[in-house]
Amino acid sequence: MKFGKKSKLLIIPAMLASFGTITVAPITAQAWTDQTHMAIERAAGLSSYQNACAPDVSKTVSAINKLKKNDGQGHFFDASKPPTRKDVEEQLELIGMGRDDAPDGWILGGIINAVRKSKAWTEMGRFDDYNYAILGHYCGDLSMPLHMSVYDDFNRKHHLNVDQTLNRSDVKWDVDAVPLITKEMTVDDSVKFENEDQIIDYMLKIANESYDLAQVMRKENRELTHEEAIQRVNRSATFFRALMKYCGKKINNDEAVHYVTAAK
């Protein structure tokens, strides 16, 4: 996903003024909105799901302060073909690289790296909520079709609208939209991982679904339907929940979510 200067979203001057400047700064495209990311992590069972938006906030801070490196490349894969294990291996070598060194992104490697770090922190008894906020965010980005697809004219044109597919405008606060989204969600609680190979296989399954759907959207020149978006976030929540169980993280059930023990 190559972001040129003209493809970056702009923050309005009034927002920047709150940071002590009125200079318009470029911000890279996001995947899903805060409402949707919070819904994914809550449906998966993370008690501190309100932190789900933190990675996107971090990217914004980096852009405003003109920091050369952030985790922006960890939110997508500019896939021009179906993702493979080779892509995962190569991306693990790119962790921490910026746009100049990793223009195609490294979300697949980022997820595996985040799993390793989260599991280690949990096993050490350290405060790990922020680790899982990051991991869950990446799992959410994985299911967004345009984040597993080249950032071409079609992607630029439709990206923001697809991000907002599940947005609820009938709430005062974004957090109030979360249970309204999760009540439509179904999470497969039977998914379990015994090792990293199984995790990679499942991750690539989701990645390829996202890639394939992005190609369908291009072919039909359309955006994501509401039903398709629910199916995608279901996949992210199921994946993230299984990862938390693998890492030993305590999980909860959201009373609004339908949990099943066999995939539909």
Protein backbone atom coordinates (compact mmCIF):
# COMPACT_ATOMS: atom_id res chain seq x y z
CA MET A 1 0.00 0.00 0.00
CA LYS A 2 2.10 2.89 -1.24
CA PHE A 3 1.00 6.24 0.11
CA GLY A 4 2.11 9.19 -2.02
CA LYS A 5 1.72 12.76 -0.86
CA LYS A 6 -1.52 13.20 -2.77
CA SER A 7 -3.01 10.00 -1.34
CA LYS A 8 -2.72 10.98 2.30
CA LEU A 9 -5.74 12.10 4.29
CA LEU A 10 -5.59 15.56 5.78
CA ILE A 11 -6.34 16.61 9.32
CA ILE A 12 -8.37 19.82 9.47
CA PRO A 13 -6.56 22.91 10.75
CA ALA A 14 -8.85 23.23 13.79
CA MET A 15 -7.79 19.81 15.02
CA LEU A 16 -4.14 20.62 14.55
CA ALA A 17 -4.59 23.86 16.47
CA SER A 18 -5.24 21.80 19.57
CA PHE A 19 -1.69 20.49 19.18
CA GLY A 20 -0.31 24.03 19.07
CA THR A 21 -0.05 24.39 15.29
CA ILE A 22 -2.30 25.27 12.38
CA THR A 23 -0.16 23.51 9.80
CA VAL A 24 -2.07 20.95 7.78
CA ALA A 25 -0.38 17.55 8.19
CA PRO A 26 -0.89 14.41 6.10
CA ILE A 27 -2.27 11.25 7.71
CA THR A 28 -2.23 7.82 6.12
CA ALA A 29 -5.47 5.98 5.50
CA GLN A 30 -6.92 3.93 8.33
CA ALA A 31 -8.62 0.52 8.36
CA TRP A 32 -12.06 0.43 9.95
CA THR A 33 -13.01 3.21 12.34
CA ASP A 34 -12.67 3.50 16.11
CA GLN A 35 -16.19 2.12 16.56
CA THR A 36 -15.43 -1.00 14.54
CA HIS A 37 -12.02 -1.66 16.08
CA MET A 38 -13.49 -1.41 19.58
CA ALA A 39 -16.32 -3.75 18.60
CA ILE A 40 -13.87 -6.38 17.31
CA GLU A 41 -11.82 -6.37 20.51
CA ARG A 42 -14.89 -6.35 22.77
CA ALA A 43 -16.52 -9.20 20.86
CA ALA A 44 -13.26 -11.15 21.15
CA GLY A 45 -13.35 -10.72 24.92
CA LEU A 46 -10.68 -8.13 25.75
CA SER A 47 -11.86 -6.23 28.83
CA SER A 48 -9.81 -3.14 27.91
CA TYR A 49 -11.24 -2.98 24.39
CA GLN A 50 -11.43 0.82 24.63
CA ASN A 51 -7.71 0.85 23.81
CA ALA A 52 -8.34 -0.68 20.37
CA CYS A 53 -7.94 2.66 18.62
CA ALA A 54 -4.53 3.41 20.18
CA PRO A 55 -2.41 2.21 17.21
CA ASP A 56 -4.17 4.65 14.88
CA VAL A 57 -3.75 7.43 17.44
CA SER A 58 -0.04 6.59 17.57
CA LYS A 59 0.25 6.92 13.78
CA THR A 60 -1.43 10.33 13.97
CA VAL A 61 0.95 11.53 16.68
CA SER A 62 3.89 10.44 14.53
CA ALA A 63 2.53 12.28 11.50
CA ILE A 64 1.79 15.48 13.41
CA ASN A 65 5.26 15.50 14.90
CA LYS A 66 6.88 14.49 11.61
CA LEU A 67 8.52 11.42 13.11
CA LYS A 68 10.26 9.39 10.45
CA LYS A 69 9.24 5.98 11.75
CA ASN A 70 6.07 4.55 13.25
CA ASP A 71 4.13 1.32 12.92
CA GLY A 72 2.15 2.55 9.92
CA GLN A 73 3.51 -0.18 7.65
CA GLY A 74 2.28 -2.77 10.16
CA HIS A 75 -1.38 -2.09 9.39
CA PHE A 76 -1.51 -3.42 5.82
CA PHE A 77 0.00 -5.51 3.07
CA ASP A 78 0.05 -4.05 -0.43
CA ALA A 79 -0.73 -7.47 -1.88
CA SER A 80 -0.61 -7.79 -5.64
CA LYS A 81 -1.16 -11.56 -5.37
CA PRO A 82 -2.59 -13.95 -2.76
CA PRO A 83 -0.51 -13.79 0.47
CA THR A 84 1.69 -16.78 1.28
CA ARG A 85 3.94 -18.12 4.05
CA LYS A 86 6.90 -16.64 2.23
CA ASP A 87 5.32 -13.22 2.68
CA VAL A 88 5.02 -13.86 6.42
CA GLU A 89 8.67 -14.88 6.68
CA GLU A 90 9.85 -11.87 4.69
CA GLN A 91 7.70 -9.46 6.69
CA LEU A 92 9.05 -10.73 9.99
CA GLU A 93 12.41 -9.38 8.81
CA LEU A 94 10.83 -5.98 8.15
CA ILE A 95 9.40 -5.31 11.61
CA GLY A 96 10.05 -1.68 12.48
CA MET A 97 10.84 -0.62 8.92
CA GLY A 98 9.23 2.51 7.52
CA ARG A 99 7.87 3.38 4.10
CA ASP A 100 11.26 3.75 2.42
CA ASP A 101 12.40 0.27 3.45
CA ALA A 102 9.05 -1.56 3.46
CA PRO A 103 6.65 0.21 1.08
CA ASP A 104 4.36 -2.83 0.79
CA GLY A 105 3.70 -3.10 4.52
CA TRP A 106 4.26 -5.90 7.04
CA ILE A 107 0.96 -6.64 8.82
CA LEU A 108 1.41 -10.42 8.53
CA GLY A 109 4.79 -10.31 10.19
CA GLY A 110 3.47 -7.71 12.62
CA ILE A 111 0.72 -10.01 13.85
CA ILE A 112 3.11 -12.90 14.51
CA ASN A 113 5.57 -10.57 16.24
CA ALA A 114 2.75 -9.12 18.38
CA VAL A 115 1.60 -12.63 19.33
CA ARG A 116 5.11 -13.53 20.49
CA LYS A 117 5.45 -10.34 22.53
CA SER A 118 1.97 -10.57 24.04
CA LYS A 119 2.43 -14.21 25.06
CA ALA A 120 5.80 -13.45 26.65
CA TRP A 121 4.45 -10.50 28.65
CA THR A 122 1.42 -12.48 29.85
CA GLU A 123 3.59 -15.40 30.95
CA MET A 124 5.85 -13.00 32.86
CA GLY A 125 2.85 -11.49 34.64
CA ARG A 126 3.54 -8.03 33.24
CA PHE A 127 0.85 -5.44 32.44
CA ASP A 128 -0.07 -6.59 28.96
CA ASP A 129 -3.31 -4.82 28.02
CA TYR A 130 -1.60 -2.47 25.57
CA ASN A 131 0.07 -5.43 23.86
CA TYR A 132 -3.35 -6.94 23.19
CA ALA A 133 -4.80 -3.62 22.07
CA ILE A 134 -2.13 -3.59 19.36
CA LEU A 135 -2.53 -7.26 18.47
CA GLY A 136 -6.32 -6.93 18.27
CA HIS A 137 -6.00 -3.83 16.12
CA TYR A 138 -3.79 -5.66 13.63
CA CYS A 139 -6.27 -8.56 13.59
CA GLY A 140 -8.97 -6.04 12.75
CA ASP A 141 -6.96 -4.51 9.93
CA LEU A 142 -6.36 -7.99 8.52
CA SER A 143 -10.04 -8.44 7.68
CA MET A 144 -10.43 -5.10 5.90
CA PRO A 145 -10.22 -5.97 2.17
CA LEU A 146 -8.57 -2.73 1.09
CA HIS A 147 -5.78 -3.27 3.61
CA MET A 148 -4.84 -6.51 1.88
CA SER A 149 -4.73 -4.93 -1.55
CA VAL A 150 -2.66 -2.50 -3.61
CA TYR A 151 -3.29 1.16 -2.84
CA ASP A 152 -4.34 2.17 -6.34
CA ASP A 153 -6.92 4.68 -7.58
CA PHE A 154 -9.80 2.37 -6.65
CA ASN A 155 -8.44 1.90 -3.12
CA ARG A 156 -7.87 5.63 -2.62
CA LYS A 157 -11.36 6.48 -3.85
CA HIS A 158 -13.24 3.99 -1.69
CA HIS A 159 -11.00 3.46 1.35
CA LEU A 160 -12.64 5.88 3.76
CA ASN A 161 -16.18 4.78 2.90
CA VAL A 162 -15.24 1.13 3.42
CA ASP A 163 -13.64 2.02 6.76
CA GLN A 164 -16.95 3.48 7.87
CA THR A 165 -19.22 0.68 6.64
CA LEU A 166 -20.35 -0.29 10.16
CA ASN A 167 -20.30 3.21 11.66
CA ARG A 168 -23.33 4.19 13.73
CA SER A 169 -24.32 7.84 13.38
CA ASP A 170 -27.23 7.48 15.81
CA VAL A 171 -25.03 7.63 18.93
CA LYS A 172 -23.55 10.55 20.83
CA TRP A 173 -20.31 8.81 21.76
CA ASP A 174 -18.35 6.35 19.62
CA VAL A 175 -18.11 3.89 22.48
CA ASP A 176 -21.93 3.71 22.60
CA ALA A 177 -21.90 2.29 19.08
CA VAL A 178 -19.84 -0.72 20.13
CA PRO A 179 -22.65 -2.91 21.55
CA LEU A 180 -24.83 -1.95 18.59
CA ILE A 181 -22.21 -3.44 16.30
CA THR A 182 -21.36 -6.46 18.45
CA LYS A 183 -25.01 -7.52 18.68
CA GLU A 184 -24.77 -8.34 14.98
CA MET A 185 -21.58 -10.33 15.41
CA THR A 186 -20.96 -14.07 15.66
CA VAL A 187 -17.68 -15.41 17.10
CA ASP A 188 -16.53 -19.00 16.64
CA ASP A 189 -15.32 -19.99 20.11
CA SER A 190 -14.15 -23.42 18.92
CA VAL A 191 -11.05 -22.05 17.17
CA LYS A 192 -7.90 -22.94 19.09
CA PHE A 193 -4.21 -22.82 18.29
CA GLU A 194 -1.57 -25.22 19.56
CA ASN A 195 1.40 -23.68 17.78
CA GLU A 196 2.57 -20.84 15.57
CA ASP A 197 2.18 -22.83 12.36
CA GLN A 198 -1.55 -23.15 13.00
CA ILE A 199 -1.75 -19.42 13.71
CA ILE A 200 -0.03 -18.59 10.42
CA ASP A 201 -2.33 -20.92 8.48
CA TYR A 202 -5.43 -19.29 9.95
CA MET A 203 -4.04 -15.79 9.47
CA LEU A 204 -3.33 -16.50 5.80
CA LYS A 205 -6.85 -17.85 5.37
CA ILE A 206 -8.27 -14.51 6.55
CA ALA A 207 -5.71 -12.57 4.52
CA ASN A 208 -6.62 -14.42 1.35
CA GLU A 209 -10.33 -13.92 1.96
CA SER A 210 -9.67 -10.19 2.29
CA TYR A 211 -7.53 -10.18 -0.84
CA ASP A 212 -10.15 -12.08 -2.86
CA LEU A 213 -12.97 -9.80 -1.71
CA ALA A 214 -10.96 -6.73 -2.67
CA GLN A 215 -10.62 -8.12 -6.21
CA VAL A 216 -14.38 -8.72 -6.37
CA MET A 217 -15.04 -5.15 -5.24
CA ARG A 218 -12.74 -3.87 -7.99
CA LYS A 219 -14.31 -6.06 -10.64
CA GLU A 220 -17.82 -4.97 -9.67
CA ASN A 221 -16.71 -1.38 -9.00
CA ARG A 222 -18.41 -1.27 -5.62
CA GLU A 223 -17.78 -0.89 -1.93
CA LEU A 224 -18.28 -3.30 0.94
CA THR A 225 -21.82 -4.27 1.89
CA HIS A 226 -22.95 -4.20 5.50
CA GLU A 227 -23.30 -7.99 5.52
CA GLU A 228 -19.81 -8.47 4.11
CA ALA A 229 -18.37 -6.11 6.73
CA ILE A 230 -20.01 -8.10 9.55
CA GLN A 231 -18.57 -11.31 8.13
CA ARG A 232 -15.11 -9.75 8.01
CA VAL A 233 -15.15 -8.42 11.58
CA ASN A 234 -16.47 -11.79 12.75
CA ARG A 235 -13.32 -13.33 11.34
CA SER A 236 -11.09 -10.80 13.08
CA ALA A 237 -12.82 -11.23 16.43
CA THR A 238 -12.68 -15.03 16.17
CA PHE A 239 -8.97 -14.89 15.31
CA PHE A 240 -8.13 -12.43 18.07
CA ARG A 241 -10.08 -14.41 20.68
CA ALA A 242 -8.24 -17.61 19.75
CA LEU A 243 -4.91 -15.76 19.92
CA MET A 244 -5.66 -14.47 23.41
CA LYS A 245 -6.47 -18.01 24.53
CA TYR A 246 -3.22 -19.23 22.99
CA CYS A 247 -1.29 -16.52 24.87
CA GLY A 248 -3.02 -17.23 28.18
CA LYS A 249 -4.86 -13.91 28.34
CA LYS A 250 -8.08 -13.81 30.36
CA ILE A 251 -11.09 -13.28 28.11
CA ASN A 252 -14.71 -12.32 28.67
CA ASN A 253 -17.99 -12.79 26.85
CA ASP A 254 -19.99 -9.87 25.51
CA GLU A 255 -23.67 -10.51 26.22
CA ALA A 256 -24.54 -8.94 22.86
CA VAL A 257 -22.39 -11.37 20.85
CA HIS A 258 -23.47 -14.77 19.57
CA TYR A 259 -20.74 -17.28 20.43
CA VAL A 260 -20.78 -20.61 18.62
CA THR A 261 -18.67 -23.73 19.02
CA ALA A 262 -18.56 -24.65 15.34
CA ALA A 263 -17.86 -22.45 12.33
CA LYS A 264 -20.82 -21.58 10.14
